[in-house]
Amino acid sequence: MRTIDQTTQEVLNLASKHFQVPANSLAPDDDFFKKLGIDSLQALELLSRLENHFGIELPDYEVQGVSDFRTLASRIQSRL
């Protein structure tokens, strides 16, 4: 069983690879829209990639309004 910290780190690592930014430039409490300069379509691409990576499906209502990596990781964690 993975911890929330491990899940958060995996989310950060996947985001850094997907958007080609240094992993150490991202922090759990960062707003990914602002930090990565992405729009909602790019956020959906990231979400799809995360769902595939973790083998889960996140309903829209669970991620609506989520904009920081830590909260996203906790929603993922609750589905594992």
N, C-alpha and C. Protein backbone atom coordinates (compact mmCIF):
# COMPACT_ATOMS: atom_id res chain seq x y z
N MET A 1 0.85 -1.20 0.00
CA MET A 1 0.00 0.00 0.00
C MET A 1 0.89 1.25 0.00
N ARG A 2 0.64 2.10 -0.94
CA ARG A 2 1.44 3.33 -1.03
C ARG A 2 0.89 4.40 -0.10
N THR A 3 1.77 5.27 0.35
CA THR A 3 1.37 6.37 1.23
C THR A 3 0.93 7.56 0.39
N ILE A 4 0.26 8.51 1.03
CA ILE A 4 -0.15 9.73 0.34
C ILE A 4 1.07 10.50 -0.16
N ASP A 5 2.17 10.46 0.60
CA ASP A 5 3.39 11.15 0.16
C ASP A 5 3.95 10.51 -1.11
N GLN A 6 3.90 9.18 -1.19
CA GLN A 6 4.38 8.49 -2.40
C GLN A 6 3.50 8.83 -3.59
N THR A 7 2.18 8.84 -3.37
CA THR A 7 1.25 9.18 -4.45
C THR A 7 1.49 10.62 -4.91
N THR A 8 1.65 11.53 -3.96
CA THR A 8 1.90 12.93 -4.30
C THR A 8 3.18 13.06 -5.13
N GLN A 9 4.22 12.36 -4.73
CA GLN A 9 5.49 12.42 -5.46
C GLN A 9 5.34 11.87 -6.87
N GLU A 10 4.57 10.79 -7.02
CA GLU A 10 4.34 10.23 -8.36
C GLU A 10 3.57 11.21 -9.23
N VAL A 11 2.58 11.89 -8.65
CA VAL A 11 1.81 12.90 -9.39
C VAL A 11 2.74 14.02 -9.86
N LEU A 12 3.60 14.49 -8.96
CA LEU A 12 4.55 15.55 -9.31
C LEU A 12 5.51 15.08 -10.41
N ASN A 13 6.01 13.87 -10.29
CA ASN A 13 6.93 13.34 -11.29
C ASN A 13 6.27 13.21 -12.66
N LEU A 14 5.05 12.68 -12.67
CA LEU A 14 4.34 12.54 -13.95
C LEU A 14 4.04 13.90 -14.57
N ALA A 15 3.65 14.86 -13.75
CA ALA A 15 3.36 16.21 -14.26
C ALA A 15 4.63 16.84 -14.83
N SER A 16 5.75 16.66 -14.15
CA SER A 16 7.00 17.26 -14.64
C SER A 16 7.42 16.64 -15.97
N LYS A 17 7.23 15.33 -16.11
CA LYS A 17 7.56 14.67 -17.38
C LYS A 17 6.61 15.10 -18.48
N HIS A 18 5.32 15.12 -18.16
CA HIS A 18 4.30 15.44 -19.15
C HIS A 18 4.47 16.86 -19.70
N PHE A 19 4.78 17.80 -18.82
CA PHE A 19 4.91 19.20 -19.24
C PHE A 19 6.36 19.65 -19.39
N GLN A 20 7.27 18.69 -19.26
CA GLN A 20 8.70 18.94 -19.49
C GLN A 20 9.23 20.11 -18.67
N VAL A 21 9.00 20.02 -17.36
CA VAL A 21 9.57 20.99 -16.42
C VAL A 21 10.36 20.21 -15.38
N PRO A 22 11.37 20.83 -14.78
CA PRO A 22 12.17 20.12 -13.77
C PRO A 22 11.29 19.69 -12.59
N ALA A 23 11.45 18.45 -12.17
CA ALA A 23 10.64 17.90 -11.06
C ALA A 23 10.80 18.73 -9.79
N ASN A 24 12.01 19.23 -9.57
CA ASN A 24 12.24 20.00 -8.34
C ASN A 24 11.63 21.40 -8.38
N SER A 25 11.04 21.77 -9.51
CA SER A 25 10.38 23.08 -9.61
C SER A 25 8.91 23.00 -9.19
N LEU A 26 8.41 21.79 -8.93
CA LEU A 26 7.02 21.60 -8.54
C LEU A 26 6.92 21.19 -7.08
N ALA A 27 5.93 21.73 -6.39
CA ALA A 27 5.70 21.41 -4.97
C ALA A 27 4.25 20.95 -4.79
N PRO A 28 3.99 20.13 -3.77
CA PRO A 28 2.64 19.60 -3.56
C PRO A 28 1.54 20.65 -3.48
N ASP A 29 1.82 21.81 -2.92
CA ASP A 29 0.78 22.83 -2.75
C ASP A 29 0.68 23.80 -3.93
N ASP A 30 1.47 23.58 -4.97
CA ASP A 30 1.40 24.45 -6.15
C ASP A 30 0.06 24.30 -6.85
N ASP A 31 -0.46 25.43 -7.32
CA ASP A 31 -1.62 25.43 -8.21
C ASP A 31 -1.09 25.05 -9.59
N PHE A 32 -1.50 23.89 -10.10
CA PHE A 32 -0.89 23.44 -11.35
C PHE A 32 -1.29 24.28 -12.55
N PHE A 33 -2.45 24.94 -12.52
CA PHE A 33 -2.80 25.82 -13.63
C PHE A 33 -1.82 26.99 -13.71
N LYS A 34 -1.55 27.59 -12.55
CA LYS A 34 -0.64 28.75 -12.52
C LYS A 34 0.81 28.32 -12.71
N LYS A 35 1.23 27.29 -11.99
CA LYS A 35 2.64 26.88 -12.00
C LYS A 35 3.07 26.38 -13.38
N LEU A 36 2.19 25.63 -14.03
CA LEU A 36 2.53 25.06 -15.33
C LEU A 36 2.03 25.92 -16.49
N GLY A 37 1.20 26.91 -16.19
CA GLY A 37 0.65 27.76 -17.24
C GLY A 37 -0.23 26.98 -18.21
N ILE A 38 -1.05 26.09 -17.66
CA ILE A 38 -1.87 25.23 -18.51
C ILE A 38 -3.34 25.65 -18.47
N ASP A 39 -4.08 25.17 -19.46
CA ASP A 39 -5.52 25.41 -19.50
C ASP A 39 -6.25 24.13 -19.11
N SER A 40 -7.57 24.20 -19.11
CA SER A 40 -8.36 23.05 -18.63
C SER A 40 -8.19 21.82 -19.53
N LEU A 41 -7.99 22.02 -20.82
CA LEU A 41 -7.78 20.88 -21.71
C LEU A 41 -6.47 20.16 -21.38
N GLN A 42 -5.42 20.93 -21.13
CA GLN A 42 -4.14 20.33 -20.74
C GLN A 42 -4.25 19.64 -19.38
N ALA A 43 -5.05 20.20 -18.48
CA ALA A 43 -5.27 19.56 -17.18
C ALA A 43 -5.98 18.22 -17.37
N LEU A 44 -6.92 18.16 -18.30
CA LEU A 44 -7.62 16.90 -18.58
C LEU A 44 -6.66 15.85 -19.15
N GLU A 45 -5.72 16.29 -19.99
CA GLU A 45 -4.71 15.37 -20.52
C GLU A 45 -3.87 14.79 -19.39
N LEU A 46 -3.47 15.65 -18.47
CA LEU A 46 -2.70 15.19 -17.31
C LEU A 46 -3.53 14.22 -16.48
N LEU A 47 -4.78 14.56 -16.25
CA LEU A 47 -5.66 13.70 -15.47
C LEU A 47 -5.79 12.32 -16.11
N SER A 48 -5.96 12.30 -17.42
CA SER A 48 -6.07 11.04 -18.14
C SER A 48 -4.80 10.21 -17.98
N ARG A 49 -3.68 10.88 -18.08
CA ARG A 49 -2.40 10.19 -17.90
C ARG A 49 -2.26 9.62 -16.48
N LEU A 50 -2.68 10.40 -15.49
CA LEU A 50 -2.63 9.94 -14.10
C LEU A 50 -3.56 8.75 -13.88
N GLU A 51 -4.76 8.82 -14.46
CA GLU A 51 -5.70 7.71 -14.32
C GLU A 51 -5.10 6.43 -14.91
N ASN A 52 -4.48 6.54 -16.06
CA ASN A 52 -3.84 5.38 -16.69
C ASN A 52 -2.69 4.86 -15.83
N HIS A 53 -1.88 5.76 -15.32
CA HIS A 53 -0.73 5.37 -14.50
C HIS A 53 -1.17 4.62 -13.25
N PHE A 54 -2.17 5.13 -12.58
CA PHE A 54 -2.61 4.53 -11.32
C PHE A 54 -3.67 3.45 -11.50
N GLY A 55 -4.18 3.30 -12.74
CA GLY A 55 -5.19 2.28 -13.00
C GLY A 55 -6.52 2.56 -12.31
N ILE A 56 -6.90 3.83 -12.30
CA ILE A 56 -8.15 4.23 -11.64
C ILE A 56 -8.96 5.12 -12.57
N GLU A 57 -10.18 5.42 -12.15
CA GLU A 57 -10.99 6.40 -12.86
C GLU A 57 -11.48 7.41 -11.84
N LEU A 58 -11.25 8.67 -12.12
CA LEU A 58 -11.68 9.75 -11.22
C LEU A 58 -12.92 10.42 -11.81
N PRO A 59 -14.04 10.34 -11.13
CA PRO A 59 -15.24 11.03 -11.63
C PRO A 59 -15.03 12.54 -11.66
N ASP A 60 -15.68 13.19 -12.60
CA ASP A 60 -15.54 14.65 -12.75
C ASP A 60 -15.83 15.38 -11.45
N TYR A 61 -16.86 14.95 -10.73
CA TYR A 61 -17.24 15.66 -9.51
C TYR A 61 -16.14 15.61 -8.44
N GLU A 62 -15.26 14.61 -8.53
CA GLU A 62 -14.18 14.51 -7.53
C GLU A 62 -13.00 15.43 -7.84
N VAL A 63 -12.85 15.81 -9.09
CA VAL A 63 -11.70 16.65 -9.45
C VAL A 63 -12.11 18.07 -9.84
N GLN A 64 -13.41 18.31 -9.91
CA GLN A 64 -13.86 19.66 -10.23
C GLN A 64 -13.41 20.63 -9.14
N GLY A 65 -12.79 21.70 -9.55
CA GLY A 65 -12.33 22.70 -8.59
C GLY A 65 -10.98 22.39 -7.95
N VAL A 66 -10.42 21.22 -8.25
CA VAL A 66 -9.10 20.86 -7.70
C VAL A 66 -8.04 21.53 -8.57
N SER A 67 -7.10 22.22 -7.92
CA SER A 67 -6.06 22.88 -8.72
C SER A 67 -4.67 22.74 -8.12
N ASP A 68 -4.54 21.98 -7.02
CA ASP A 68 -3.19 21.79 -6.48
C ASP A 68 -2.86 20.29 -6.46
N PHE A 69 -1.58 20.01 -6.55
CA PHE A 69 -1.11 18.63 -6.67
C PHE A 69 -1.46 17.78 -5.44
N ARG A 70 -1.38 18.36 -4.26
CA ARG A 70 -1.65 17.59 -3.03
C ARG A 70 -3.10 17.09 -2.99
N THR A 71 -4.04 17.97 -3.30
CA THR A 71 -5.45 17.58 -3.29
C THR A 71 -5.72 16.55 -4.38
N LEU A 72 -5.13 16.75 -5.54
CA LEU A 72 -5.28 15.78 -6.63
C LEU A 72 -4.76 14.41 -6.19
N ALA A 73 -3.61 14.40 -5.54
CA ALA A 73 -3.03 13.15 -5.07
C ALA A 73 -3.93 12.48 -4.03
N SER A 74 -4.56 13.27 -3.17
CA SER A 74 -5.42 12.67 -2.14
C SER A 74 -6.68 12.08 -2.79
N ARG A 75 -7.18 12.69 -3.86
CA ARG A 75 -8.33 12.12 -4.57
C ARG A 75 -7.94 10.81 -5.24
N ILE A 76 -6.73 10.78 -5.80
CA ILE A 76 -6.21 9.55 -6.41
C ILE A 76 -6.04 8.48 -5.33
N GLN A 77 -5.44 8.86 -4.23
CA GLN A 77 -5.17 7.93 -3.12
C GLN A 77 -6.47 7.27 -2.65
N SER A 78 -7.55 8.03 -2.61
CA SER A 78 -8.82 7.48 -2.11
C SER A 78 -9.39 6.43 -3.05
N ARG A 79 -8.90 6.37 -4.28
CA ARG A 79 -9.38 5.39 -5.27
C ARG A 79 -8.47 4.16 -5.38
N LEU A 80 -7.33 4.20 -4.72
CA LEU A 80 -6.38 3.07 -4.85
C LEU A 80 -6.78 1.90 -3.96
